[in-house]
Amino acid sequence: MKLMSKVVIAVFFVSLCLSAVNMARAAEGKIVFMDLGKVFDEYSKTKDLDKQLEAKSNAKQAERDKMVAEIKKMKDDLDLAADKDKAKKQAAVEEKLRKLQDLDKESRDALRKDRDDMARTILKEIKDVIDEIAKKEGYAYILDSRAVLFGGDANNLTDRIIKILNDKYAVKGKK
């Protein structure tokens, strides 16, 4: 009788464990991955915003180049100036150099802020598409490919996410 009780308890315990494993697998869902860097780089909005940042950077560089040319001319004039005018011209050159340094810092900070805002916006849009796909198709996890040691092409959502993002961006009129 005791042996029979132990066998029944063991069978019950084994079937309980197997049920728990099957429930965990069902709850676990599917695991897929994507290459976040590739999605970010190949998203059309990223490319467009990069061009805008490049244009801003070029405009600031042109402004800087103009100021550098003015400083060079002021230094040349300083070398030719009479002794009584040198102190005044030297002060003007130093003031212009401070303005150049301020311009450099302001330009760097503004471009960095613009780039960070751009990245934040794009990453949010990517995350929204990932969330949409995960909910719609029942994925439990969508990992970045850098965290995946092996994954078959069937489990790679990279190209699909890029297509969805670019299609949505094209429909929005590249806003």
Protein backbone atom coordinates (compact mmCIF):
# COMPACT_ATOMS: atom_id res chain seq x y z
CA MET A 1 0.00 0.00 0.00
CA LYS A 2 2.80 2.39 0.86
CA LEU A 3 4.57 1.61 -2.40
CA MET A 4 1.37 2.24 -4.34
CA SER A 5 0.93 5.64 -2.59
CA LYS A 6 4.49 6.61 -3.43
CA VAL A 7 4.01 5.64 -7.08
CA VAL A 8 0.76 7.62 -7.32
CA ILE A 9 2.37 10.63 -5.68
CA ALA A 10 5.40 10.36 -8.00
CA VAL A 11 3.19 10.07 -11.10
CA PHE A 12 1.12 13.04 -9.91
CA PHE A 13 4.25 15.08 -9.27
CA VAL A 14 5.76 14.23 -12.69
CA SER A 15 2.52 15.11 -14.50
CA LEU A 16 2.29 18.36 -12.51
CA CYS A 17 5.86 19.26 -13.53
CA LEU A 18 5.17 18.47 -17.19
CA SER A 19 2.02 20.61 -17.09
CA ALA A 20 3.99 23.48 -15.58
CA VAL A 21 6.64 23.19 -18.30
CA ASN A 22 3.98 23.18 -21.05
CA MET A 23 2.22 26.19 -19.49
CA ALA A 24 5.53 28.04 -19.28
CA ARG A 25 6.26 27.31 -22.93
CA ALA A 26 2.82 28.51 -23.96
CA ALA A 27 3.17 31.69 -21.93
CA GLU A 28 6.71 32.22 -23.17
CA GLY A 29 5.68 32.87 -26.76
CA LYS A 30 8.07 33.31 -29.63
CA ILE A 31 11.48 34.91 -29.46
CA VAL A 32 12.84 36.84 -32.43
CA PHE A 33 15.57 39.41 -32.98
CA MET A 34 16.45 42.47 -35.05
CA ASP A 35 19.52 44.60 -35.73
CA LEU A 36 18.74 47.94 -34.10
CA GLY A 37 21.78 49.66 -35.61
CA LYS A 38 20.84 48.61 -39.13
CA VAL A 39 17.20 49.61 -38.61
CA PHE A 40 18.30 53.03 -37.32
CA ASP A 41 20.76 53.61 -40.17
CA GLU A 42 18.49 52.43 -42.98
CA TYR A 43 15.37 54.25 -41.81
CA SER A 44 14.69 56.98 -44.40
CA LYS A 45 13.86 59.51 -41.69
CA THR A 46 17.33 59.00 -40.18
CA LYS A 47 18.91 59.75 -43.53
CA ASP A 48 16.76 62.86 -44.05
CA LEU A 49 17.45 64.19 -40.57
CA ASP A 50 21.17 63.49 -41.02
CA LYS A 51 21.09 65.66 -44.15
CA GLN A 52 19.39 68.44 -42.18
CA LEU A 53 22.03 68.21 -39.45
CA GLU A 54 24.76 68.27 -42.09
CA ALA A 55 23.25 71.42 -43.63
CA LYS A 56 23.12 73.11 -40.21
CA SER A 57 26.70 72.05 -39.54
CA ASN A 58 27.84 73.43 -42.91
CA ALA A 59 26.08 76.75 -42.24
CA LYS A 60 27.78 77.03 -38.85
CA GLN A 61 31.12 76.13 -40.44
CA ALA A 62 30.67 78.87 -43.06
CA GLU A 63 29.90 81.36 -40.30
CA ARG A 64 33.00 80.17 -38.42
CA ASP A 65 35.20 80.40 -41.53
CA LYS A 66 34.05 83.97 -42.10
CA MET A 67 34.90 84.88 -38.50
CA VAL A 68 38.34 83.21 -38.78
CA ALA A 69 39.04 85.24 -41.95
CA GLU A 70 38.07 88.43 -40.09
CA ILE A 71 40.39 87.55 -37.21
CA LYS A 72 43.25 86.85 -39.64
CA LYS A 73 42.71 90.22 -41.29
CA MET A 74 42.58 91.92 -37.88
CA LYS A 75 45.88 90.25 -36.90
CA ASP A 76 47.49 91.37 -40.16
CA ASP A 77 46.30 94.92 -39.47
CA LEU A 78 47.64 94.63 -35.93
CA ASP A 79 51.11 93.77 -37.25
CA LEU A 80 51.08 96.91 -39.42
CA ALA A 81 49.54 99.21 -36.81
CA ALA A 82 51.36 102.01 -35.07
CA ASP A 83 52.35 101.44 -31.45
CA LYS A 84 49.61 103.73 -30.12
CA ASP A 85 46.88 101.69 -31.92
CA LYS A 86 48.26 98.20 -31.14
CA ALA A 87 46.70 97.84 -27.68
CA LYS A 88 43.25 98.79 -28.99
CA LYS A 89 43.55 96.47 -31.99
CA GLN A 90 44.93 93.65 -29.81
CA ALA A 91 41.87 93.97 -27.53
CA ALA A 92 39.59 93.81 -30.58
CA VAL A 93 41.36 90.65 -31.82
CA GLU A 94 41.04 89.01 -28.39
CA GLU A 95 37.33 89.93 -28.24
CA LYS A 96 36.78 88.42 -31.69
CA LEU A 97 38.64 85.26 -30.60
CA ARG A 98 36.32 84.96 -27.55
CA LYS A 99 33.32 85.35 -29.87
CA LEU A 100 34.74 82.60 -32.08
CA GLN A 101 35.15 80.29 -29.09
CA ASP A 102 31.58 81.07 -27.99
CA LEU A 103 30.32 80.39 -31.49
CA ASP A 104 32.17 77.05 -31.56
CA LYS A 105 30.71 76.01 -28.20
CA GLU A 106 27.18 77.14 -29.06
CA SER A 107 27.33 75.39 -32.43
CA ARG A 108 28.63 72.16 -30.91
CA ASP A 109 26.00 72.21 -28.16
CA ALA A 110 23.15 73.02 -30.57
CA LEU A 111 24.15 70.30 -33.02
CA ARG A 112 24.56 67.78 -30.20
CA LYS A 113 21.11 68.65 -28.85
CA ASP A 114 19.56 68.39 -32.32
CA ARG A 115 21.27 65.03 -32.91
CA ASP A 116 20.13 63.70 -29.52
CA ASP A 117 16.56 64.87 -30.13
CA MET A 118 16.62 63.25 -33.57
CA ALA A 119 17.92 59.96 -32.19
CA ARG A 120 15.36 59.98 -29.37
CA THR A 121 12.50 60.57 -31.83
CA ILE A 122 13.67 57.87 -34.22
CA LEU A 123 14.27 55.32 -31.46
CA LYS A 124 10.74 55.94 -30.14
CA GLU A 125 9.30 55.35 -33.61
CA ILE A 126 11.32 52.13 -33.91
CA LYS A 127 10.13 50.98 -30.49
CA ASP A 128 6.51 51.73 -31.43
CA VAL A 129 6.81 49.53 -34.53
CA ILE A 130 8.47 46.77 -32.49
CA ASP A 131 5.68 46.94 -29.89
CA GLU A 132 3.06 46.84 -32.65
CA ILE A 133 4.62 43.74 -34.24
CA ALA A 134 5.11 42.01 -30.88
CA LYS A 135 1.48 42.50 -29.84
CA LYS A 136 0.03 41.65 -33.24
CA GLU A 137 2.05 38.47 -33.70
CA GLY A 138 2.40 37.34 -30.10
CA TYR A 139 6.14 37.67 -29.68
CA ALA A 140 7.25 37.42 -26.09
CA TYR A 141 10.69 38.87 -26.80
CA ILE A 142 12.27 40.86 -29.60
CA LEU A 143 15.98 41.07 -28.91
CA ASP A 144 18.71 43.19 -30.43
CA SER A 145 20.97 41.04 -32.61
CA ARG A 146 24.00 42.08 -30.54
CA ALA A 147 22.57 39.97 -27.69
CA VAL A 148 21.91 36.94 -29.92
CA LEU A 149 24.66 34.41 -30.51
CA PHE A 150 22.66 32.46 -33.05
CA GLY A 151 19.40 33.10 -34.80
CA GLY A 152 18.06 31.85 -38.08
CA ASP A 153 16.95 34.24 -40.81
CA ALA A 154 13.33 33.29 -40.18
CA ASN A 155 13.64 34.85 -36.70
CA ASN A 156 15.26 38.09 -37.92
CA LEU A 157 12.77 40.98 -38.17
CA THR A 158 15.30 43.64 -39.23
CA ASP A 159 14.31 44.06 -42.88
CA ARG A 160 10.62 43.86 -42.05
CA ILE A 161 10.89 46.61 -39.42
CA ILE A 162 12.85 48.82 -41.85
CA LYS A 163 10.16 48.34 -44.50
CA ILE A 164 7.33 49.19 -42.08
CA LEU A 165 9.13 52.31 -40.84
CA ASN A 166 10.00 53.52 -44.35
CA ASP A 167 6.46 52.85 -45.61
CA LYS A 168 4.94 54.79 -42.71
CA TYR A 169 7.43 57.63 -43.22
CA ALA A 170 6.65 57.82 -46.94
CA VAL A 171 2.90 57.95 -46.21
CA LYS A 172 3.35 60.76 -43.68
CA GLY A 173 4.91 62.86 -46.42
CA LYS A 174 8.38 62.85 -44.84
CA LYS A 175 7.32 65.12 -42.01
